[in-house]
Protein backbone atom coordinates (compact mmCIF):
# COMPACT_ATOMS: atom_id res chain seq x y z
CA MET A 1 13.60 -13.82 -25.38
CA GLN A 2 17.02 -14.16 -23.95
CA GLY A 3 17.60 -15.03 -20.31
CA ALA A 4 18.71 -11.58 -19.15
CA ALA A 5 15.81 -9.83 -20.84
CA MET A 6 13.35 -12.29 -19.32
CA VAL A 7 14.78 -11.72 -15.83
CA ALA A 8 14.64 -7.95 -16.29
CA SER A 9 11.01 -8.01 -17.42
CA ALA A 10 10.06 -10.38 -14.58
CA LYS A 11 11.76 -8.03 -12.10
CA ALA A 12 9.88 -5.04 -13.45
CA LEU A 13 6.54 -6.85 -13.43
CA SER A 14 6.97 -8.19 -9.90
CA ALA A 15 8.04 -4.78 -8.58
CA ALA A 16 5.05 -3.14 -10.27
CA LEU A 17 2.72 -5.73 -8.76
CA ALA A 18 4.21 -5.21 -5.30
CA ILE A 19 3.50 -1.49 -5.39
CA GLY A 20 0.28 -1.60 -7.41
CA LEU A 21 -1.52 -4.26 -5.42
CA SER A 22 -0.56 -2.74 -2.09
CA ALA A 23 -1.78 0.66 -3.29
CA ILE A 24 -5.10 -0.80 -4.41
CA ALA A 25 -5.54 -2.60 -1.09
CA THR A 26 -4.72 0.59 0.82
CA GLY A 27 -7.22 2.59 -1.20
CA TYR A 28 -9.91 0.01 -0.53
CA ALA A 29 -9.16 -0.04 3.20
CA GLN A 30 -9.17 3.74 3.45
CA SER A 31 -12.42 3.97 1.52
CA ARG A 32 -14.03 1.89 4.25
CA ILE A 33 -12.26 3.43 7.25
CA GLY A 34 -12.73 7.10 6.28
CA PRO A 35 -16.52 7.26 6.27
CA ALA A 36 -16.74 5.14 9.41
CA GLY A 37 -14.32 7.48 11.17
CA ALA A 38 -16.25 10.54 10.02
CA GLY A 39 -19.49 9.03 11.30
CA ALA A 40 -17.91 8.20 14.63
CA MET A 41 -16.52 11.74 14.95
CA ALA A 42 -19.95 13.19 14.20
CA GLU A 43 -21.33 11.39 17.23
CA LYS A 44 -18.27 11.62 19.50
CA PRO A 45 -15.78 14.39 18.62
CA GLU A 46 -13.22 13.00 21.07
CA LEU A 47 -12.62 10.09 18.67
CA SER A 48 -10.86 12.31 16.12
CA GLY A 49 -7.36 11.19 17.10
CA ILE A 50 -8.25 7.52 16.83
CA ALA A 51 -9.93 8.07 13.46
CA ILE A 52 -6.85 9.80 12.07
CA ILE A 53 -4.61 6.97 13.28
CA LEU A 54 -6.90 4.35 11.77
CA VAL A 55 -6.83 6.11 8.40
CA ALA A 56 -3.03 6.39 8.52
CA ILE A 57 -2.33 2.74 9.40
CA PRO A 58 -3.05 1.31 5.91
CA GLU A 59 -0.53 3.74 4.42
CA THR A 60 2.22 1.57 5.85
CA MET A 61 1.14 -1.14 3.41
CA VAL A 62 2.17 1.03 0.47
CA VAL A 63 5.49 1.85 2.12
CA LEU A 64 6.13 -1.87 2.66
CA GLY A 65 5.15 -2.58 -0.94
CA PHE A 66 7.66 0.02 -2.06
CA ALA A 67 10.34 -1.55 0.14
CA ILE A 68 9.63 -4.99 -1.35
CA ALA A 69 9.74 -3.57 -4.89
CA LEU A 70 13.04 -1.89 -4.13
CA MET A 71 14.48 -5.13 -2.78
CA ILE A 72 13.26 -6.98 -5.87
CA MET A 73 14.89 -4.48 -8.21
CA ILE A 74 18.19 -4.33 -6.29
CA LEU A 75 18.75 -7.84 -5.00
CA ILE A 76 17.58 -10.04 -7.88
CA GLU A 77 20.15 -10.32 -10.64
């Protein structure tokens, strides 16, 4: 492989890993938080706002993974 092709494939792979691994981690976190939040809301309905916030927090990990992937694709030459 030539140098430019190797850099391009390394960029694509690292960007895919940044998004893919953060999405997998977010899915795992939400799979644990969701049922716990539902169980807590079954016992105390006033906890619904907190449960929604706790489910939404891991979503920022995917957004940050996307930002990192974008920076990799744009900034690395």
